Amino acid sequence: MRGLGNRLIGDENSFTFEQRIFNFVILLSICMTVFGALLDIYYKVGIWVDLMFTGCWMLTYYFSRFHVHFDIVSKISIGIFIFAYFPYYWMSSGGISGTFPGFAVIFIAILCIILKGKFRIAMTVSMLAVTVLLACGDIHYYGSPKNGMDLILSGVQILFVMAAMAILISFYSDIHRKEKTRNEAYARTIEEHYRQQLYYMKSLEELTDRLKSERHDFNHHLGVIYGLLESGNTDKAGDYASQLVKTSGEYQNLVDVPYPMVRAMLNYKLSAAKDKNIRLRLRVGVPEGLTLPEFDITVILGNLLDNALEACITVGESDRYIGLNMFYKPDYLIIQTENPVNVASKAQQGSHKTTKPDAENHGYGLRNIEFLAQKHNGFMKTARENGVFRVDVALLTEPGQSADNINSSL
């Protein structure tokens, strides 16, 4: 049974909840209009209107279910439903005292579930306006002094229930969508954490191989120095040792923060950037005891540096640099990055959209950062100007505070 349902309205992995509801409603509409056409044939009345609506709903179902044109098809078909289908069956089923007006409550609830934003408001208001016009028409043409008041009360009751249903469904639909968005963002963050763990495991393997290689070279260097000292070339031995000290200094920690995970990740990624001849502009000073999970800070910094490093590769070597500021401002941890970007890139300021060719597997970095910033009652702000991309992130270190007082200062 479930397999049949998935074939008719679409499986939940490929279609959203709203799309599946829409496909289901269109199937019901097809059944209703076909049934109406059969009744027209039985009572020997015209069936052309029913056949026209049947063809319309079949085309709607075909394009929505099999060609995934939900956004366009839903708007067109809902307009036809409100301004043509609904009035026709209202009048043909007996007007306000018939059975069809009772379905108006269900119809408007479905509209509020399927639609969102301004289009939902416009279509809901249109549905209520059409209902008012139809009810007023019934009262004018069919109402008599005896039953006129009954028709008015019936119309008011239908409108009241429709309006109340629209408000309730819209409210809960918006909550559902927001919660779904938050859950998806959290899932992406967990996925990013898993990816970072794999990345660090690979980095650890590379670091182990590097240490083994350096140990082998170190034994060689000791042999050279010993040989120079044995032969009395103390000056050359001193120069050689000085060069070794200078070289080894390049592999020291580039930043020092009192959080092991953050320190390890920063030093590895910054070292990788330095190996690619990317200049570093660092100002990092973070106190101990911040009430923020190291995992969240690591994910934010990892995404920021990954994006900055990938952007630097697209510009000339002489223009490559990464700026990183990380400091504490009362109640907030501030993280700022800056890097050049390719002027040919079409990314828009604040859009959070990727410009990478593999867009399906990219573009989540900034959204993950924004999710974590909001999680800690902070914010993320991006800016692009004169070929330079900047990201400002503020994380509240104490719960229950507002980000407004610091947002204006950045």
Protein backbone atom coordinates (compact mmCIF):
# COMPACT_ATOMS: atom_id res chain seq x y z
CA MET A 1 0.00 0.00 0.00
CA ARG A 2 2.81 2.37 0.85
CA GLY A 3 4.57 1.53 -2.41
CA LEU A 4 1.41 2.38 -4.35
CA GLY A 5 1.11 5.67 -2.50
CA ASN A 6 4.72 6.57 -3.32
CA ARG A 7 4.11 5.84 -6.99
CA LEU A 8 0.99 8.00 -7.05
CA ILE A 9 2.07 11.06 -5.06
CA GLY A 10 5.88 10.67 -4.97
CA ASP A 11 8.24 9.20 -2.40
CA GLU A 12 9.32 11.25 0.59
CA ASN A 13 12.99 11.20 -0.45
CA SER A 14 12.33 12.96 -3.77
CA PHE A 15 9.27 15.10 -2.94
CA THR A 16 8.63 17.48 -0.07
CA PHE A 17 5.65 17.08 2.23
CA GLU A 18 3.91 20.04 0.53
CA GLN A 19 4.44 18.54 -2.94
CA ARG A 20 3.03 15.17 -1.89
CA ILE A 21 -0.04 16.82 -0.35
CA PHE A 22 -0.54 18.79 -3.57
CA ASN A 23 -0.30 15.66 -5.73
CA PHE A 24 -2.77 13.88 -3.47
CA VAL A 25 -5.26 16.75 -3.67
CA ILE A 26 -4.98 16.89 -7.46
CA LEU A 27 -5.73 13.17 -7.64
CA LEU A 28 -8.83 13.75 -5.51
CA SER A 29 -9.86 16.61 -7.77
CA ILE A 30 -9.54 14.32 -10.79
CA CYS A 31 -11.77 11.74 -9.10
CA MET A 32 -14.34 14.40 -8.14
CA THR A 33 -14.58 15.87 -11.62
CA VAL A 34 -14.78 12.43 -13.26
CA PHE A 35 -17.56 11.52 -10.83
CA GLY A 36 -19.30 14.80 -11.65
CA ALA A 37 -19.05 14.05 -15.37
CA LEU A 38 -20.59 10.61 -14.81
CA LEU A 39 -23.49 12.19 -12.92
CA ASP A 40 -23.97 14.68 -15.74
CA ILE A 41 -24.16 11.81 -18.23
CA TYR A 42 -26.68 10.00 -16.02
CA TYR A 43 -28.90 13.06 -15.69
CA LYS A 44 -28.34 13.92 -19.38
CA VAL A 45 -26.91 17.39 -18.83
CA GLY A 46 -23.83 19.06 -20.31
CA ILE A 47 -20.52 17.48 -19.30
CA TRP A 48 -18.14 19.86 -21.05
CA VAL A 49 -17.22 21.87 -17.94
CA ASP A 50 -16.45 18.70 -15.97
CA LEU A 51 -14.35 17.35 -18.84
CA MET A 52 -12.47 20.65 -19.07
CA PHE A 53 -11.60 20.61 -15.35
CA THR A 54 -10.70 16.90 -15.55
CA GLY A 55 -8.21 17.62 -18.33
CA CYS A 56 -6.81 20.58 -16.40
CA TRP A 57 -6.20 18.51 -13.24
CA MET A 58 -4.70 15.64 -15.25
CA LEU A 59 -2.18 17.99 -16.86
CA THR A 60 -1.45 19.51 -13.45
CA TYR A 61 -0.83 16.08 -11.94
CA TYR A 62 1.36 15.02 -14.88
CA PHE A 63 3.66 18.05 -14.67
CA SER A 64 3.78 18.09 -10.86
CA ARG A 65 4.35 14.36 -10.32
CA PHE A 66 6.52 13.37 -13.27
CA HIS A 67 8.24 16.60 -14.36
CA VAL A 68 8.68 18.17 -10.91
CA HIS A 69 7.39 21.62 -11.91
CA PHE A 70 5.68 22.08 -8.57
CA ASP A 71 6.33 25.82 -8.09
CA ILE A 72 4.88 26.89 -11.42
CA VAL A 73 2.10 24.29 -11.71
CA SER A 74 0.84 24.82 -8.15
CA LYS A 75 0.43 28.57 -8.62
CA ILE A 76 -1.42 28.23 -11.93
CA SER A 77 -3.68 25.41 -10.77
CA ILE A 78 -4.53 27.08 -7.45
CA GLY A 79 -5.51 30.23 -9.34
CA ILE A 80 -7.80 28.15 -11.59
CA PHE A 81 -9.22 26.39 -8.54
CA ILE A 82 -10.05 29.61 -6.65
CA PHE A 83 -11.43 31.68 -9.51
CA ALA A 84 -13.10 29.01 -11.67
CA TYR A 85 -13.42 25.53 -10.15
CA PHE A 86 -14.62 26.63 -6.70
CA PRO A 87 -17.28 29.14 -7.92
CA TYR A 88 -18.63 26.72 -10.54
CA TYR A 89 -19.19 23.85 -8.11
CA TRP A 90 -20.46 26.20 -5.41
CA MET A 91 -23.25 27.37 -7.69
CA SER A 92 -23.94 23.99 -9.30
CA SER A 93 -24.21 22.21 -5.93
CA GLY A 94 -26.98 24.44 -4.57
CA GLY A 95 -25.19 27.59 -3.42
CA ILE A 96 -24.57 28.40 0.22
CA SER A 97 -27.16 25.89 1.38
CA GLY A 98 -25.58 23.06 -0.65
CA THR A 99 -22.83 20.65 0.31
CA PHE A 100 -19.89 22.19 -1.56
CA PRO A 101 -19.46 25.35 0.62
CA GLY A 102 -18.73 23.06 3.56
CA PHE A 103 -15.61 21.85 1.77
CA ALA A 104 -14.32 25.42 1.70
CA VAL A 105 -12.81 24.92 5.16
CA ILE A 106 -10.84 21.91 3.93
CA PHE A 107 -9.80 23.74 0.77
CA ILE A 108 -8.38 26.74 2.59
CA ALA A 109 -6.55 24.49 5.05
CA ILE A 110 -4.91 22.70 2.12
CA LEU A 111 -3.95 26.05 0.56
CA CYS A 112 -2.23 27.14 3.77
CA ILE A 113 -0.29 23.85 4.02
CA ILE A 114 0.88 23.82 0.41
CA LEU A 115 1.72 27.51 -0.02
CA LYS A 116 4.01 29.82 1.90
CA GLY A 117 5.03 33.45 2.08
CA LYS A 118 3.25 36.25 0.24
CA PHE A 119 1.63 33.91 -2.28
CA ARG A 120 -0.09 32.04 0.54
CA ILE A 121 -1.47 35.33 1.90
CA ALA A 122 -2.65 36.45 -1.55
CA MET A 123 -4.39 33.17 -2.36
CA THR A 124 -5.98 32.88 1.10
CA VAL A 125 -7.37 36.41 0.87
CA SER A 126 -8.60 35.64 -2.67
CA MET A 127 -10.33 32.48 -1.46
CA LEU A 128 -12.08 34.40 1.33
CA ALA A 129 -13.06 37.20 -1.07
CA VAL A 130 -14.53 34.76 -3.61
CA THR A 131 -16.47 33.06 -0.82
CA VAL A 132 -17.88 36.40 0.32
CA LEU A 133 -18.96 37.28 -3.21
CA LEU A 134 -20.60 33.89 -3.73
CA ALA A 135 -22.38 34.07 -0.38
CA CYS A 136 -23.61 37.61 -1.09
CA GLY A 137 -24.83 36.47 -4.51
CA ASP A 138 -26.78 33.62 -2.95
CA ILE A 139 -28.33 35.93 -0.39
CA HIS A 140 -29.30 38.44 -3.06
CA TYR A 141 -30.79 36.00 -5.57
CA TYR A 142 -32.08 33.18 -3.37
CA GLY A 143 -32.73 34.78 -0.03
CA SER A 144 -36.28 35.66 0.92
CA PRO A 145 -37.39 37.56 4.02
CA LYS A 146 -38.00 34.20 5.65
CA ASN A 147 -34.68 32.47 5.04
CA GLY A 148 -32.47 35.46 4.24
CA MET A 149 -31.15 35.64 7.82
CA ASP A 150 -30.36 31.91 7.80
CA LEU A 151 -28.29 32.34 4.64
CA ILE A 152 -26.43 35.29 6.16
CA LEU A 153 -25.65 33.32 9.32
CA SER A 154 -24.48 30.35 7.24
CA GLY A 155 -22.17 32.59 5.22
CA VAL A 156 -20.73 34.25 8.34
CA GLN A 157 -20.12 30.87 9.97
CA ILE A 158 -18.29 29.53 6.90
CA LEU A 159 -16.13 32.66 6.63
CA PHE A 160 -15.32 32.65 10.33
CA VAL A 161 -14.27 28.99 10.30
CA MET A 162 -12.27 29.48 7.10
CA ALA A 163 -10.41 32.51 8.51
CA ALA A 164 -9.69 30.77 11.83
CA MET A 165 -8.48 27.65 10.02
CA ALA A 166 -6.23 29.72 7.74
CA ILE A 167 -4.60 31.46 10.72
CA LEU A 168 -4.04 28.25 12.67
CA ILE A 169 -2.73 26.22 9.73
CA SER A 170 -0.43 29.07 8.60
CA PHE A 171 0.98 29.43 12.11
CA TYR A 172 1.71 25.75 12.60
CA SER A 173 2.97 25.30 9.03
CA ASP A 174 5.51 28.07 9.56
CA ILE A 175 6.64 26.49 12.83
CA HIS A 176 6.98 23.12 11.07
CA ARG A 177 9.06 24.62 8.26
CA LYS A 178 11.35 26.50 10.66
CA GLU A 179 11.88 23.39 12.79
CA LYS A 180 12.57 21.33 9.68
CA THR A 181 15.12 23.90 8.52
CA ARG A 182 16.83 23.86 11.92
CA ASN A 183 16.95 20.06 11.93
CA GLU A 184 18.44 20.01 8.44
CA ALA A 185 21.04 22.59 9.46
CA TYR A 186 21.92 20.54 12.54
CA ALA A 187 22.22 17.39 10.43
CA ARG A 188 24.56 19.22 8.04
CA THR A 189 26.64 20.39 11.00
CA ILE A 190 26.98 16.84 12.31
CA GLU A 191 27.92 15.70 8.81
CA GLU A 192 30.51 18.47 8.69
CA HIS A 193 31.90 17.32 12.04
CA TYR A 194 32.24 13.77 10.70
CA ARG A 195 33.97 15.10 7.57
CA GLN A 196 36.34 17.15 9.74
CA GLN A 197 37.19 14.08 11.79
CA LEU A 198 38.09 12.14 8.64
CA TYR A 199 40.12 15.11 7.48
CA TYR A 200 42.05 15.29 10.74
CA MET A 201 42.70 11.53 10.72
CA LYS A 202 44.18 11.87 7.25
CA SER A 203 46.16 14.89 8.42
CA LEU A 204 47.46 12.92 11.38
CA GLU A 205 48.69 10.19 9.05
CA GLU A 206 50.46 12.78 6.92
CA LEU A 207 51.98 14.34 10.03
CA THR A 208 53.23 10.93 11.22
CA ASP A 209 54.89 10.29 7.85
CA ARG A 210 56.41 13.74 7.99
CA LEU A 211 57.85 13.14 11.47
CA LYS A 212 59.35 9.84 10.32
CA SER A 213 60.93 11.59 7.37
CA GLU A 214 62.25 14.40 9.56
CA ARG A 215 63.69 11.86 12.03
CA HIS A 216 65.56 10.21 9.18
CA ASP A 217 66.83 13.58 7.97
CA PHE A 218 67.74 14.57 11.53
CA ASN A 219 70.11 11.60 11.82
CA HIS A 220 71.66 12.67 8.54
CA HIS A 221 72.10 16.25 9.78
CA LEU A 222 73.73 15.06 12.99
CA GLY A 223 76.20 13.06 10.91
CA VAL A 224 77.07 16.12 8.85
CA ILE A 225 77.62 18.30 11.93
CA TYR A 226 79.70 15.59 13.61
CA GLY A 227 81.84 15.24 10.48
CA LEU A 228 82.42 19.00 10.27
CA LEU A 229 83.41 19.17 13.93
CA GLU A 230 85.76 16.17 13.57
CA SER A 231 87.51 17.88 10.68
CA GLY A 232 87.82 21.13 12.59
CA ASN A 233 85.37 23.14 10.44
CA THR A 234 83.61 24.67 13.41
CA ASP A 235 82.41 27.73 11.49
CA LYS A 236 80.73 25.60 8.88
CA ALA A 237 79.25 23.41 11.57
CA GLY A 238 77.83 26.51 13.28
CA ASP A 239 76.31 27.79 10.02
CA TYR A 240 74.82 24.39 9.31
CA ALA A 241 73.31 24.18 12.80
CA SER A 242 71.95 27.73 12.49
CA GLN A 243 70.23 26.82 9.23
CA LEU A 244 68.66 23.78 10.89
CA VAL A 245 67.32 25.91 13.74
CA LYS A 246 65.84 28.39 11.25
CA THR A 247 64.20 25.61 9.24
CA SER A 248 62.77 23.89 12.30
CA GLY A 249 61.24 27.18 13.41
CA GLU A 250 59.00 27.09 10.39
CA TYR A 251 57.20 24.07 11.85
CA GLN A 252 56.49 25.56 15.26
CA ASN A 253 52.97 26.47 16.33
CA LEU A 254 51.72 29.47 14.39
CA VAL A 255 49.06 30.29 16.99
CA ASP A 256 48.66 29.34 20.62
CA VAL A 257 45.18 29.18 22.16
CA PRO A 258 44.19 27.45 25.42
CA TYR A 259 41.90 24.94 23.67
CA PRO A 260 43.62 21.78 22.33
CA MET A 261 41.16 20.95 19.52
CA VAL A 262 41.05 24.51 18.26
CA ARG A 263 44.83 24.90 18.51
CA ALA A 264 45.53 21.68 16.63
CA MET A 265 43.08 22.50 13.85
CA LEU A 266 44.28 26.10 13.44
CA ASN A 267 47.96 25.19 13.31
CA TYR A 268 47.41 22.43 10.81
CA LYS A 269 45.27 24.46 8.42
CA LEU A 270 47.45 27.57 8.72
CA SER A 271 50.56 25.47 8.09
CA ALA A 272 48.87 24.02 5.00
CA ALA A 273 48.15 27.55 3.80
CA LYS A 274 51.75 28.62 4.46
CA ASP A 275 53.04 25.64 2.47
CA LYS A 276 51.02 26.95 -0.50
CA ASN A 277 52.82 30.33 -0.26
CA ILE A 278 49.78 32.06 1.23
CA ARG A 279 50.74 34.95 3.50
CA LEU A 280 49.17 34.93 6.96
CA ARG A 281 47.94 37.93 8.87
CA LEU A 282 47.15 36.61 12.33
CA ARG A 283 45.88 38.28 15.47
CA VAL A 284 44.72 35.55 17.81
CA GLY A 285 44.25 36.02 21.52
CA VAL A 286 41.60 34.03 23.37
CA PRO A 287 41.32 33.76 27.17
CA GLU A 288 40.65 30.54 29.02
CA GLY A 289 37.26 29.56 30.41
CA LEU A 290 34.95 30.57 27.56
CA THR A 291 31.57 28.84 27.85
CA LEU A 292 31.54 27.62 24.26
CA PRO A 293 31.92 24.02 22.99
CA GLU A 294 35.30 23.47 21.32
CA PHE A 295 33.54 21.38 18.69
CA ASP A 296 31.43 24.34 17.50
CA ILE A 297 34.40 26.71 17.40
CA THR A 298 36.40 24.11 15.47
CA VAL A 299 33.67 23.64 12.87
CA ILE A 300 33.36 27.42 12.38
CA LEU A 301 37.10 28.00 12.04
CA GLY A 302 37.54 24.93 9.83
CA ASN A 303 34.88 26.10 7.39
CA LEU A 304 36.19 29.66 7.35
CA LEU A 305 39.78 28.61 6.66
CA ASP A 306 38.78 25.99 4.08
CA ASN A 307 36.80 28.60 2.17
CA ALA A 308 39.61 31.15 2.45
CA LEU A 309 42.25 28.68 1.28
CA GLU A 310 40.16 27.55 -1.71
CA ALA A 311 39.49 31.19 -2.65
CA CYS A 312 43.21 32.02 -2.50
CA ILE A 313 44.04 29.27 -4.99
CA THR A 314 41.90 31.06 -7.61
CA VAL A 315 43.97 34.29 -7.49
CA GLY A 316 47.55 35.05 -8.43
CA GLU A 317 50.25 33.81 -6.05
CA SER A 318 51.41 37.34 -5.25
CA ASP A 319 47.89 38.30 -4.09
CA ARG A 320 47.29 35.33 -1.81
CA TYR A 321 46.78 35.98 1.87
CA ILE A 322 44.51 34.95 4.75
CA GLY A 323 43.69 37.29 7.60
CA LEU A 324 42.43 35.81 10.86
CA ASN A 325 41.40 37.82 13.91
CA MET A 326 40.12 35.97 16.93
CA PHE A 327 39.57 37.78 20.20
CA TYR A 328 37.24 38.15 23.15
CA LYS A 329 35.02 41.18 23.57
CA PRO A 330 32.98 41.14 26.80
CA ASP A 331 30.46 38.31 26.50
CA TYR A 332 31.39 37.59 22.88
CA LEU A 333 33.98 35.58 21.02
CA ILE A 334 34.72 37.43 17.78
CA ILE A 335 36.12 35.59 14.74
CA GLN A 336 37.00 37.55 11.61
CA THR A 337 38.53 36.25 8.39
CA GLU A 338 39.59 38.02 5.23
CA ASN A 339 40.89 36.74 1.91
CA PRO A 340 41.07 37.81 -1.75
CA VAL A 341 38.58 36.39 -4.25
CA ASN A 342 38.58 36.05 -7.99
CA VAL A 343 36.93 39.16 -9.46
CA ALA A 344 35.28 36.96 -12.13
CA SER A 345 33.27 35.19 -9.42
CA LYS A 346 29.55 36.02 -9.48
CA ALA A 347 28.82 35.40 -5.80
CA GLN A 348 26.64 38.09 -4.28
CA GLN A 349 27.26 39.70 -0.96
CA GLY A 350 25.31 37.97 1.81
CA SER A 351 23.91 35.30 -0.50
CA HIS A 352 25.85 32.40 1.13
CA LYS A 353 25.80 30.65 -2.26
CA THR A 354 28.75 28.67 -3.53
CA THR A 355 30.49 29.52 -6.81
CA LYS A 356 32.17 26.11 -7.05
CA PRO A 357 31.36 23.88 -10.04
CA ASP A 358 30.16 21.04 -7.81
CA ALA A 359 27.41 23.13 -6.26
CA GLU A 360 25.48 20.08 -5.03
CA ASN A 361 28.25 19.09 -2.61
CA HIS A 362 29.36 22.59 -1.65
CA GLY A 363 27.77 25.74 -0.29
CA TYR A 364 27.00 24.36 3.17
CA GLY A 365 30.03 25.95 4.89
CA LEU A 366 28.64 29.42 5.46
CA ARG A 367 25.20 28.02 6.28
CA ASN A 368 26.75 25.76 8.92
CA ILE A 369 28.57 28.75 10.38
CA GLU A 370 25.37 30.82 10.41
CA PHE A 371 23.47 27.98 12.10
CA LEU A 372 26.10 27.68 14.86
CA ALA A 373 26.23 31.46 15.32
CA GLN A 374 22.45 31.58 15.80
CA LYS A 375 22.66 28.55 18.08
CA HIS A 376 24.89 30.61 20.41
CA ASN A 377 22.70 33.75 20.16
CA GLY A 378 25.21 35.44 17.89
CA PHE A 379 25.35 36.30 14.22
CA MET A 380 27.37 35.98 11.04
CA LYS A 381 27.95 38.84 8.61
CA THR A 382 29.63 38.63 5.19
CA ALA A 383 30.93 41.39 2.93
CA ARG A 384 32.68 41.49 -0.41
CA GLU A 385 34.36 44.66 -1.64
CA ASN A 386 37.21 45.42 -4.05
CA GLY A 387 38.08 41.77 -4.54
CA VAL A 388 38.22 40.99 -0.80
CA PHE A 389 35.80 38.70 1.05
CA ARG A 390 35.28 39.21 4.79
CA VAL A 391 33.34 37.19 7.32
CA ASP A 392 32.52 38.39 10.85
CA VAL A 393 31.20 35.90 13.40
CA ALA A 394 30.14 36.71 16.96
CA LEU A 395 29.32 33.99 19.50
CA LEU A 396 27.73 34.77 22.85
CA THR A 397 29.68 33.13 25.65
CA GLU A 398 26.98 33.61 28.26
CA PRO A 399 23.33 32.47 27.70
CA GLY A 400 20.40 34.84 27.57
CA GLN A 401 22.13 37.85 26.03
CA SER A 402 21.43 39.73 22.81
CA ALA A 403 23.72 40.22 19.83
CA ASP A 404 22.34 43.69 18.99
CA ASN A 405 24.86 45.64 21.05
CA ILE A 406 27.82 44.16 19.20
CA ASN A 407 26.33 43.80 15.71
CA SER A 408 26.44 47.55 15.16
CA SER A 409 30.12 47.82 16.14
CA LEU A 410 31.47 45.43 13.51
